[in-house]
Amino acid sequence: MENNSDLMNKNHSQTIWLNLALALTISIGSGSAFAQSSEEQAVLNTVNQFFQALSTRDRELLARITVPGSLNISTSVSRTGAAELRIQNYKQLLDNLGGEGPSLLERAWSPTILIKRDIATFWAPYDFYVNGTFSHCGIDSFQLIRRQGQWFLTNLSWTVESNNCEPSPLGPPNF
C-alpha cells in the first residue's frame, strides 16, 4: 500500500508528464497550431461558428451561439489619433452582422484559450476582409459561458488596427 507521500510524488510526476505531453501536442485546424484539450476544442468550435455566421451573414446561427444581453465592444484609433470605443448590444450585433450586407471574412490564429469551470476566454490575433479586400487586423477577446454542455459567446471585444498589421500566418484568404 502506498503512503500519502508516494501518492503525491506519483501524482506530481504524472501531472508533469501530462503537461509536457500537452505542450508537445500540436493540433492543426482552422489554420492555428496549439495544444488543445477537448474543452478548448469545444470553445474553439463556438468561436469558429461565430466566424462562419459572420461570413455567411447567418443571423440565426449567430443568435444560437450568442447569449441575449451580451455586450460587444470594439476599440480603434481615429484618423486624428483619438481613441474610439464602439459599443453594440445583442440586437445591434445581430442586425449588423446578420442578413444583407457586404461579404465579410474574419480569420484568427494562434489563439489562447483559458477555461475555468463554466467560463472561458478566447484571445487571438485576426485579420478582416470586406468584399474580398483587406479592411483591418487586431486582437479578438471573446468571453464564453457553458450551459448544459454547450459554449455560448457572452461578450465580444476586439481592437481595430488599420496600420502595422503583421501578415497572417494563414496566407492569403481564399474567396
N, C-alpha and C. Protein backbone atom coordinates (compact mmCIF):
# COMPACT_ATOMS: atom_id res chain seq x y z
N MET A 1 0.84 -1.18 0.00
CA MET A 1 0.00 0.00 0.00
C MET A 1 0.89 1.24 0.00
N GLU A 2 0.55 2.21 -0.87
CA GLU A 2 1.34 3.42 -0.98
C GLU A 2 0.93 4.41 0.10
N ASN A 3 1.94 5.15 0.63
CA ASN A 3 1.59 6.18 1.61
C ASN A 3 1.26 7.48 0.87
N ASN A 4 0.80 8.46 1.62
CA ASN A 4 0.38 9.74 1.01
C ASN A 4 1.52 10.42 0.27
N SER A 5 2.73 10.35 0.81
CA SER A 5 3.88 10.99 0.17
C SER A 5 4.17 10.35 -1.19
N ASP A 6 4.12 9.01 -1.25
CA ASP A 6 4.34 8.31 -2.52
C ASP A 6 3.26 8.67 -3.53
N LEU A 7 2.00 8.73 -3.09
CA LEU A 7 0.90 9.10 -3.98
C LEU A 7 1.06 10.51 -4.51
N MET A 8 1.46 11.44 -3.63
CA MET A 8 1.64 12.83 -4.06
C MET A 8 2.77 12.92 -5.08
N ASN A 9 3.89 12.21 -4.84
CA ASN A 9 5.00 12.23 -5.79
C ASN A 9 4.59 11.62 -7.12
N LYS A 10 3.84 10.52 -7.06
CA LYS A 10 3.36 9.86 -8.29
C LYS A 10 2.43 10.80 -9.05
N ASN A 11 1.48 11.43 -8.34
CA ASN A 11 0.56 12.37 -8.99
C ASN A 11 1.30 13.57 -9.56
N HIS A 12 2.31 14.05 -8.83
CA HIS A 12 3.09 15.19 -9.31
C HIS A 12 3.84 14.81 -10.59
N SER A 13 4.44 13.62 -10.60
CA SER A 13 5.15 13.14 -11.80
C SER A 13 4.19 12.99 -12.96
N GLN A 14 3.00 12.43 -12.71
CA GLN A 14 2.01 12.28 -13.78
C GLN A 14 1.58 13.63 -14.31
N THR A 15 1.40 14.60 -13.41
CA THR A 15 1.00 15.95 -13.82
C THR A 15 2.07 16.58 -14.69
N ILE A 16 3.35 16.43 -14.29
CA ILE A 16 4.44 16.99 -15.10
C ILE A 16 4.46 16.36 -16.48
N TRP A 17 4.34 15.02 -16.54
CA TRP A 17 4.35 14.35 -17.85
C TRP A 17 3.14 14.73 -18.68
N LEU A 18 1.97 14.86 -18.04
CA LEU A 18 0.77 15.27 -18.78
C LEU A 18 0.94 16.67 -19.34
N ASN A 19 1.46 17.58 -18.52
CA ASN A 19 1.68 18.96 -19.00
C ASN A 19 2.70 18.99 -20.13
N LEU A 20 3.76 18.17 -20.01
CA LEU A 20 4.76 18.11 -21.07
C LEU A 20 4.15 17.55 -22.35
N ALA A 21 3.33 16.51 -22.21
CA ALA A 21 2.67 15.92 -23.38
C ALA A 21 1.74 16.93 -24.04
N LEU A 22 1.00 17.69 -23.23
CA LEU A 22 0.10 18.70 -23.79
C LEU A 22 0.90 19.80 -24.48
N ALA A 23 2.03 20.18 -23.90
CA ALA A 23 2.85 21.23 -24.51
C ALA A 23 3.43 20.77 -25.84
N LEU A 24 3.70 19.48 -25.96
CA LEU A 24 4.29 18.96 -27.19
C LEU A 24 3.26 18.57 -28.23
N THR A 25 2.00 18.42 -27.79
CA THR A 25 0.94 18.04 -28.72
C THR A 25 0.56 19.26 -29.54
N ILE A 26 0.55 19.11 -30.83
CA ILE A 26 0.16 20.22 -31.70
C ILE A 26 -1.05 19.79 -32.49
N SER A 27 -2.10 20.59 -32.39
CA SER A 27 -3.31 20.32 -33.14
C SER A 27 -3.41 21.38 -34.22
N ILE A 28 -3.56 20.97 -35.45
CA ILE A 28 -3.65 21.92 -36.54
C ILE A 28 -5.07 21.90 -37.07
N GLY A 29 -5.72 23.03 -37.02
CA GLY A 29 -7.08 23.17 -37.52
C GLY A 29 -7.41 24.63 -37.64
N SER A 30 -8.15 24.98 -38.62
CA SER A 30 -8.53 26.37 -38.86
C SER A 30 -7.31 27.25 -38.98
N GLY A 31 -6.20 26.67 -39.43
CA GLY A 31 -5.01 27.47 -39.64
C GLY A 31 -4.26 27.81 -38.37
N SER A 32 -4.64 27.24 -37.23
CA SER A 32 -3.94 27.55 -36.00
C SER A 32 -3.25 26.29 -35.48
N ALA A 33 -2.18 26.49 -34.75
CA ALA A 33 -1.46 25.37 -34.18
C ALA A 33 -1.25 25.62 -32.69
N PHE A 34 -1.83 24.78 -31.87
CA PHE A 34 -1.62 24.85 -30.43
C PHE A 34 -2.20 23.61 -29.78
N ALA A 35 -1.73 23.32 -28.59
CA ALA A 35 -2.24 22.17 -27.86
C ALA A 35 -3.69 22.43 -27.47
N GLN A 36 -4.55 21.43 -27.65
CA GLN A 36 -5.96 21.61 -27.35
C GLN A 36 -6.49 20.46 -26.52
N SER A 37 -7.20 20.79 -25.47
CA SER A 37 -7.97 19.80 -24.74
C SER A 37 -9.33 19.72 -25.44
N SER A 38 -10.15 18.77 -25.04
CA SER A 38 -11.48 18.67 -25.65
C SER A 38 -12.31 19.91 -25.32
N GLU A 39 -12.13 20.49 -24.15
CA GLU A 39 -12.87 21.71 -23.80
C GLU A 39 -12.37 22.90 -24.61
N GLU A 40 -11.06 22.99 -24.81
CA GLU A 40 -10.54 24.07 -25.65
C GLU A 40 -11.08 23.92 -27.07
N GLN A 41 -11.15 22.70 -27.56
CA GLN A 41 -11.71 22.47 -28.90
C GLN A 41 -13.18 22.87 -28.95
N ALA A 42 -13.92 22.60 -27.88
CA ALA A 42 -15.34 22.97 -27.84
C ALA A 42 -15.50 24.50 -27.86
N VAL A 43 -14.64 25.20 -27.12
CA VAL A 43 -14.66 26.67 -27.15
C VAL A 43 -14.33 27.15 -28.56
N LEU A 44 -13.28 26.58 -29.15
CA LEU A 44 -12.87 26.96 -30.50
C LEU A 44 -13.97 26.68 -31.51
N ASN A 45 -14.72 25.61 -31.33
CA ASN A 45 -15.84 25.31 -32.24
C ASN A 45 -16.88 26.41 -32.20
N THR A 46 -17.19 26.91 -31.01
CA THR A 46 -18.16 28.01 -30.90
C THR A 46 -17.63 29.26 -31.57
N VAL A 47 -16.35 29.57 -31.35
CA VAL A 47 -15.74 30.74 -32.00
C VAL A 47 -15.77 30.57 -33.52
N ASN A 48 -15.45 29.37 -34.01
CA ASN A 48 -15.49 29.13 -35.45
C ASN A 48 -16.90 29.25 -36.01
N GLN A 49 -17.90 28.88 -35.21
CA GLN A 49 -19.29 29.08 -35.65
C GLN A 49 -19.60 30.57 -35.77
N PHE A 50 -19.03 31.37 -34.87
CA PHE A 50 -19.20 32.82 -34.97
C PHE A 50 -18.62 33.33 -36.29
N PHE A 51 -17.38 32.89 -36.62
CA PHE A 51 -16.76 33.31 -37.88
C PHE A 51 -17.58 32.82 -39.08
N GLN A 52 -18.14 31.62 -38.98
CA GLN A 52 -19.00 31.11 -40.05
C GLN A 52 -20.26 31.96 -40.19
N ALA A 53 -20.90 32.28 -39.06
CA ALA A 53 -22.11 33.11 -39.09
C ALA A 53 -21.80 34.47 -39.69
N LEU A 54 -20.63 34.99 -39.39
CA LEU A 54 -20.19 36.28 -39.93
C LEU A 54 -20.03 36.19 -41.45
N SER A 55 -19.33 35.16 -41.91
CA SER A 55 -19.05 35.06 -43.35
C SER A 55 -20.28 34.71 -44.17
N THR A 56 -21.24 34.01 -43.58
CA THR A 56 -22.47 33.66 -44.30
C THR A 56 -23.61 34.61 -43.96
N ARG A 57 -23.32 35.55 -43.05
CA ARG A 57 -24.32 36.53 -42.58
C ARG A 57 -25.56 35.81 -42.06
N ASP A 58 -25.31 34.73 -41.32
CA ASP A 58 -26.36 33.86 -40.79
C ASP A 58 -26.81 34.34 -39.42
N ARG A 59 -27.86 35.14 -39.42
CA ARG A 59 -28.37 35.73 -38.18
C ARG A 59 -28.86 34.67 -37.21
N GLU A 60 -29.47 33.59 -37.71
CA GLU A 60 -29.99 32.53 -36.84
C GLU A 60 -28.85 31.81 -36.12
N LEU A 61 -27.79 31.48 -36.83
CA LEU A 61 -26.65 30.83 -36.20
C LEU A 61 -26.03 31.76 -35.17
N LEU A 62 -25.87 33.01 -35.52
CA LEU A 62 -25.32 34.00 -34.59
C LEU A 62 -26.16 34.06 -33.31
N ALA A 63 -27.48 34.05 -33.46
CA ALA A 63 -28.37 34.09 -32.30
C ALA A 63 -28.26 32.82 -31.46
N ARG A 64 -28.04 31.67 -32.10
CA ARG A 64 -27.96 30.39 -31.38
C ARG A 64 -26.70 30.27 -30.52
N ILE A 65 -25.64 30.96 -30.89
CA ILE A 65 -24.37 30.80 -30.16
C ILE A 65 -24.02 32.00 -29.28
N THR A 66 -24.88 33.01 -29.27
CA THR A 66 -24.63 34.23 -28.50
C THR A 66 -25.70 34.39 -27.43
N VAL A 67 -25.30 34.76 -26.24
CA VAL A 67 -26.23 34.93 -25.13
C VAL A 67 -26.96 36.26 -25.28
N PRO A 68 -28.31 36.24 -25.26
CA PRO A 68 -29.05 37.51 -25.28
C PRO A 68 -28.57 38.39 -24.13
N GLY A 69 -28.44 39.67 -24.41
CA GLY A 69 -27.95 40.60 -23.40
C GLY A 69 -26.45 40.80 -23.44
N SER A 70 -25.78 40.12 -24.38
CA SER A 70 -24.33 40.26 -24.48
C SER A 70 -23.96 41.68 -24.88
N LEU A 71 -22.74 42.05 -24.56
CA LEU A 71 -22.23 43.38 -24.88
C LEU A 71 -21.03 43.19 -25.80
N ASN A 72 -20.93 43.99 -26.83
CA ASN A 72 -19.89 43.84 -27.83
C ASN A 72 -19.20 45.18 -28.04
N ILE A 73 -17.89 45.19 -27.84
CA ILE A 73 -17.14 46.44 -27.81
C ILE A 73 -15.92 46.34 -28.72
N SER A 74 -15.74 47.35 -29.56
CA SER A 74 -14.52 47.43 -30.35
C SER A 74 -13.81 48.73 -30.03
N THR A 75 -12.49 48.67 -30.09
CA THR A 75 -11.69 49.87 -29.88
C THR A 75 -10.85 50.12 -31.13
N SER A 76 -10.69 51.37 -31.44
CA SER A 76 -9.88 51.74 -32.60
C SER A 76 -9.30 53.13 -32.35
N VAL A 77 -8.48 53.56 -33.29
CA VAL A 77 -7.90 54.90 -33.22
C VAL A 77 -8.36 55.64 -34.46
N SER A 78 -8.90 56.84 -34.27
CA SER A 78 -9.40 57.64 -35.39
C SER A 78 -8.24 58.17 -36.22
N ARG A 79 -8.55 58.75 -37.35
CA ARG A 79 -7.52 59.35 -38.21
C ARG A 79 -6.77 60.46 -37.51
N THR A 80 -7.42 61.08 -36.53
CA THR A 80 -6.76 62.16 -35.79
C THR A 80 -5.95 61.62 -34.61
N GLY A 81 -5.99 60.29 -34.38
CA GLY A 81 -5.24 59.68 -33.29
C GLY A 81 -6.02 59.52 -32.00
N ALA A 82 -7.29 59.92 -32.01
CA ALA A 82 -8.10 59.79 -30.80
C ALA A 82 -8.62 58.36 -30.66
N ALA A 83 -8.65 57.86 -29.43
CA ALA A 83 -9.19 56.53 -29.16
C ALA A 83 -10.70 56.55 -29.34
N GLU A 84 -11.22 55.54 -30.03
CA GLU A 84 -12.66 55.43 -30.24
C GLU A 84 -13.15 54.11 -29.66
N LEU A 85 -14.30 54.16 -29.08
CA LEU A 85 -14.94 52.98 -28.49
C LEU A 85 -16.30 52.83 -29.13
N ARG A 86 -16.60 51.64 -29.66
CA ARG A 86 -17.91 51.38 -30.26
C ARG A 86 -18.56 50.26 -29.46
N ILE A 87 -19.74 50.52 -28.93
CA ILE A 87 -20.45 49.54 -28.11
C ILE A 87 -21.73 49.14 -28.82
N GLN A 88 -21.92 47.82 -28.93
CA GLN A 88 -23.14 47.28 -29.54
C GLN A 88 -23.80 46.34 -28.54
N ASN A 89 -25.12 46.41 -28.47
CA ASN A 89 -25.81 45.43 -27.66
C ASN A 89 -26.11 44.19 -28.52
N TYR A 90 -26.73 43.21 -27.94
CA TYR A 90 -27.02 41.94 -28.61
C TYR A 90 -27.80 42.14 -29.90
N LYS A 91 -28.87 42.93 -29.85
CA LYS A 91 -29.71 43.15 -31.03
C LYS A 91 -28.92 43.86 -32.15
N GLN A 92 -28.12 44.84 -31.77
CA GLN A 92 -27.30 45.54 -32.77
C GLN A 92 -26.30 44.60 -33.42
N LEU A 93 -25.71 43.70 -32.64
CA LEU A 93 -24.78 42.73 -33.20
C LEU A 93 -25.48 41.87 -34.24
N LEU A 94 -26.65 41.34 -33.89
CA LEU A 94 -27.40 40.50 -34.84
C LEU A 94 -27.79 41.29 -36.08
N ASP A 95 -28.24 42.52 -35.89
CA ASP A 95 -28.66 43.34 -37.03
C ASP A 95 -27.49 43.72 -37.93
N ASN A 96 -26.32 44.03 -37.33
CA ASN A 96 -25.17 44.46 -38.12
C ASN A 96 -24.47 43.32 -38.84
N LEU A 97 -24.46 42.14 -38.25
CA LEU A 97 -23.70 41.04 -38.82
C LEU A 97 -24.55 40.01 -39.54
N GLY A 98 -25.84 39.98 -39.26
CA GLY A 98 -26.72 39.02 -39.91
C GLY A 98 -27.53 39.68 -41.01
N GLY A 99 -27.93 38.91 -41.99
CA GLY A 99 -28.77 39.45 -43.06
C GLY A 99 -27.97 40.06 -44.19
N GLU A 100 -28.61 40.94 -44.92
CA GLU A 100 -27.99 41.55 -46.11
C GLU A 100 -26.83 42.45 -45.73
N GLY A 101 -25.86 42.52 -46.64
CA GLY A 101 -24.73 43.40 -46.42
C GLY A 101 -23.53 42.91 -47.19
N PRO A 102 -22.39 43.59 -47.01
CA PRO A 102 -21.19 43.20 -47.74
C PRO A 102 -20.70 41.82 -47.29
N SER A 103 -19.88 41.21 -48.11
CA SER A 103 -19.24 39.94 -47.79
C SER A 103 -18.18 40.18 -46.72
N LEU A 104 -18.21 39.39 -45.65
CA LEU A 104 -17.27 39.56 -44.54
C LEU A 104 -16.47 38.28 -44.33
N LEU A 105 -15.20 38.42 -44.02
CA LEU A 105 -14.35 37.28 -43.69
C LEU A 105 -13.42 37.68 -42.56
N GLU A 106 -13.48 36.93 -41.47
CA GLU A 106 -12.57 37.13 -40.35
C GLU A 106 -11.83 35.83 -40.11
N ARG A 107 -10.50 35.94 -39.94
CA ARG A 107 -9.67 34.77 -39.68
C ARG A 107 -8.81 35.04 -38.45
N ALA A 108 -8.78 34.10 -37.54
CA ALA A 108 -7.96 34.22 -36.34
C ALA A 108 -6.95 33.09 -36.30
N TRP A 109 -5.85 33.31 -35.60
CA TRP A 109 -4.81 32.28 -35.49
C TRP A 109 -4.12 32.39 -34.14
N SER A 110 -3.39 31.36 -33.80
CA SER A 110 -2.60 31.29 -32.56
C SER A 110 -3.42 31.70 -31.32
N PRO A 111 -4.58 31.09 -31.13
CA PRO A 111 -5.42 31.51 -30.00
C PRO A 111 -4.86 31.07 -28.66
N THR A 112 -5.18 31.86 -27.66
CA THR A 112 -5.00 31.49 -26.27
C THR A 112 -6.41 31.27 -25.73
N ILE A 113 -6.62 30.11 -25.15
CA ILE A 113 -7.94 29.79 -24.59
C ILE A 113 -7.75 29.47 -23.12
N LEU A 114 -8.47 30.18 -22.28
CA LEU A 114 -8.43 29.96 -20.84
C LEU A 114 -9.80 29.48 -20.39
N ILE A 115 -9.83 28.44 -19.58
CA ILE A 115 -11.11 27.87 -19.12
C ILE A 115 -11.02 27.62 -17.62
N LYS A 116 -12.05 28.01 -16.93
CA LYS A 116 -12.22 27.67 -15.52
C LYS A 116 -13.70 27.33 -15.33
N ARG A 117 -13.96 26.08 -15.03
CA ARG A 117 -15.32 25.54 -14.89
C ARG A 117 -16.17 25.95 -16.09
N ASP A 118 -17.11 26.86 -15.89
CA ASP A 118 -18.08 27.19 -16.95
C ASP A 118 -17.86 28.54 -17.60
N ILE A 119 -16.64 29.10 -17.45
CA ILE A 119 -16.32 30.34 -18.17
C ILE A 119 -15.04 30.11 -18.97
N ALA A 120 -14.95 30.81 -20.09
CA ALA A 120 -13.76 30.69 -20.94
C ALA A 120 -13.48 32.04 -21.60
N THR A 121 -12.23 32.21 -21.97
CA THR A 121 -11.80 33.37 -22.74
C THR A 121 -11.03 32.88 -23.96
N PHE A 122 -11.34 33.47 -25.10
CA PHE A 122 -10.62 33.22 -26.35
C PHE A 122 -9.92 34.52 -26.70
N TRP A 123 -8.61 34.48 -26.96
CA TRP A 123 -7.82 35.66 -27.29
C TRP A 123 -6.95 35.30 -28.48
N ALA A 124 -7.04 36.06 -29.57
CA ALA A 124 -6.24 35.72 -30.75
C ALA A 124 -6.10 36.92 -31.68
N PRO A 125 -4.99 36.99 -32.41
CA PRO A 125 -4.89 37.98 -33.48
C PRO A 125 -5.80 37.56 -34.63
N TYR A 126 -6.24 38.55 -35.41
CA TYR A 126 -7.13 38.26 -36.54
C TYR A 126 -6.88 39.23 -37.67
N ASP A 127 -7.38 38.85 -38.85
CA ASP A 127 -7.47 39.80 -39.96
C ASP A 127 -8.90 39.78 -40.47
N PHE A 128 -9.29 40.87 -41.13
CA PHE A 128 -10.70 41.06 -41.50
C PHE A 128 -10.78 41.61 -42.92
N TYR A 129 -11.66 41.03 -43.71
CA TYR A 129 -11.85 41.42 -45.11
C TYR A 129 -13.31 41.78 -45.36
N VAL A 130 -13.52 42.81 -46.16
CA VAL A 130 -14.86 43.22 -46.58
C VAL A 130 -14.88 43.18 -48.11
N ASN A 131 -15.83 42.42 -48.63
CA ASN A 131 -15.95 42.24 -50.10
C ASN A 131 -14.62 41.84 -50.73
N GLY A 132 -13.88 40.95 -50.06
CA GLY A 132 -12.64 40.43 -50.60
C GLY A 132 -11.43 41.34 -50.47
N THR A 133 -11.59 42.49 -49.84
CA THR A 133 -10.50 43.45 -49.68
C THR A 133 -10.12 43.56 -48.21
N PHE A 134 -8.83 43.53 -47.94
CA PHE A 134 -8.37 43.66 -46.56
C PHE A 134 -8.90 44.96 -45.96
N SER A 135 -9.46 44.85 -44.75
CA SER A 135 -10.00 46.01 -44.05
C SER A 135 -9.13 46.40 -42.86
N HIS A 136 -8.86 45.43 -41.99
CA HIS A 136 -8.09 45.72 -40.78
C HIS A 136 -7.65 44.42 -40.11
N CYS A 137 -6.88 44.58 -39.06
CA CYS A 137 -6.46 43.45 -38.23
C CYS A 137 -6.71 43.85 -36.78
N GLY A 138 -6.33 42.99 -35.86
CA GLY A 138 -6.47 43.32 -34.45
C GLY A 138 -6.40 42.10 -33.57
N ILE A 139 -6.91 42.25 -32.38
CA ILE A 139 -6.98 41.17 -31.40
C ILE A 139 -8.45 40.96 -31.05
N ASP A 140 -8.88 39.69 -31.09
CA ASP A 140 -10.20 39.31 -30.61
C ASP A 140 -10.08 38.86 -29.16
N SER A 141 -11.00 39.30 -28.32
CA SER A 141 -11.09 38.83 -26.95
C SER A 141 -12.56 38.49 -26.72
N PHE A 142 -12.86 37.20 -26.72
CA PHE A 142 -14.24 36.74 -26.59
C PHE A 142 -14.40 36.03 -25.25
N GLN A 143 -15.48 36.31 -24.57
CA GLN A 143 -15.80 35.62 -23.33
C GLN A 143 -16.96 34.67 -23.61
N LEU A 144 -16.89 33.48 -23.00
CA LEU A 144 -17.91 32.46 -23.22
C LEU A 144 -18.35 31.87 -21.89
N ILE A 145 -19.55 31.31 -21.88
CA ILE A 145 -20.04 30.53 -20.75
C ILE A 145 -20.53 29.19 -21.28
N ARG A 146 -20.51 28.20 -20.38
CA ARG A 146 -21.00 26.88 -20.73
C ARG A 146 -22.33 26.66 -20.01
N ARG A 147 -23.32 26.29 -20.80
CA ARG A 147 -24.65 25.94 -20.28
C ARG A 147 -25.03 24.59 -20.87
N GLN A 148 -25.37 23.65 -20.00
CA GLN A 148 -25.81 22.32 -20.43
C GLN A 148 -24.85 21.72 -21.45
N GLY A 149 -23.54 21.85 -21.19
CA GLY A 149 -22.52 21.25 -22.03
C GLY A 149 -22.19 22.00 -23.31
N GLN A 150 -22.82 23.14 -23.55
CA GLN A 150 -22.61 23.92 -24.78
C GLN A 150 -21.98 25.26 -24.43
N TRP A 151 -20.99 25.70 -25.22
CA TRP A 151 -20.36 27.00 -25.02
C TRP A 151 -21.09 28.07 -25.82
N PHE A 152 -21.32 29.22 -25.18
CA PHE A 152 -22.01 30.36 -25.79
C PHE A 152 -21.16 31.62 -25.62
N LEU A 153 -21.17 32.48 -26.62
CA LEU A 153 -20.49 33.76 -26.55
C LEU A 153 -21.30 34.71 -25.67
N THR A 154 -20.64 35.32 -24.70
CA THR A 154 -21.34 36.27 -23.83
C THR A 154 -20.95 37.71 -24.15
N ASN A 155 -19.70 37.92 -24.44
CA ASN A 155 -19.21 39.26 -24.76
C ASN A 155 -18.10 39.14 -25.78
N LEU A 156 -18.12 40.03 -26.74
CA LEU A 156 -17.09 40.06 -27.77
C LEU A 156 -16.41 41.43 -27.70
N SER A 157 -15.10 41.42 -27.62
CA SER A 157 -14.33 42.67 -27.67
C SER A 157 -13.22 42.47 -28.68
N TRP A 158 -12.87 43.53 -29.39
CA TRP A 158 -11.80 43.43 -30.37
C TRP A 158 -11.21 44.80 -30.63
N THR A 159 -9.94 44.77 -31.05
CA THR A 159 -9.30 46.00 -31.48
C THR A 159 -9.41 46.08 -32.99
N VAL A 160 -9.42 47.28 -33.50
CA VAL A 160 -9.43 47.51 -34.94
C VAL A 160 -8.17 48.29 -35.27
N GLU A 161 -7.26 47.63 -35.97
CA GLU A 161 -5.98 48.23 -36.33
C GLU A 161 -5.93 48.33 -37.85
N SER A 162 -5.75 49.51 -38.38
CA SER A 162 -5.67 49.64 -39.83
C SER A 162 -4.24 49.81 -40.33
N ASN A 163 -3.30 50.00 -39.41
CA ASN A 163 -1.89 50.16 -39.76
C ASN A 163 -1.06 49.12 -39.02
N ASN A 164 0.13 48.86 -39.57
CA ASN A 164 1.10 47.98 -38.93
C ASN A 164 0.57 46.57 -38.67
N CYS A 165 -0.22 46.07 -39.60
CA CYS A 165 -0.74 44.71 -39.47
C CYS A 165 0.31 43.72 -39.95
N GLU A 166 0.62 42.77 -39.09
CA GLU A 166 1.54 41.70 -39.47
C GLU A 166 0.84 40.80 -40.47
N PRO A 167 1.56 40.26 -41.44
CA PRO A 167 0.94 39.32 -42.37
C PRO A 167 0.44 38.09 -41.62
N SER A 168 -0.72 37.61 -41.99
CA SER A 168 -1.28 36.44 -41.35
C SER A 168 -0.46 35.20 -41.67
N PRO A 169 -0.21 34.34 -40.69
CA PRO A 169 0.46 33.09 -40.97
C PRO A 169 -0.43 32.13 -41.78
N LEU A 170 -1.69 32.49 -41.95
CA LEU A 170 -2.63 31.67 -42.73
C LEU A 170 -2.47 31.87 -44.22
N GLY A 171 -1.67 32.88 -44.60
CA GLY A 171 -1.51 33.18 -46.02
C GLY A 171 -2.69 33.97 -46.53
N PRO A 172 -2.73 34.18 -47.85
CA PRO A 172 -3.84 34.94 -48.41
C PRO A 172 -5.15 34.15 -48.30
N PRO A 173 -6.25 34.86 -48.08
CA PRO A 173 -7.54 34.16 -47.97
C PRO A 173 -8.00 33.61 -49.31
N ASN A 174 -8.82 32.58 -49.26
CA ASN A 174 -9.46 32.04 -50.46
C ASN A 174 -10.87 32.58 -50.53
N PHE A 175 -11.15 33.35 -51.54
CA PHE A 175 -12.50 33.92 -51.69
C PHE A 175 -13.28 33.16 -52.73
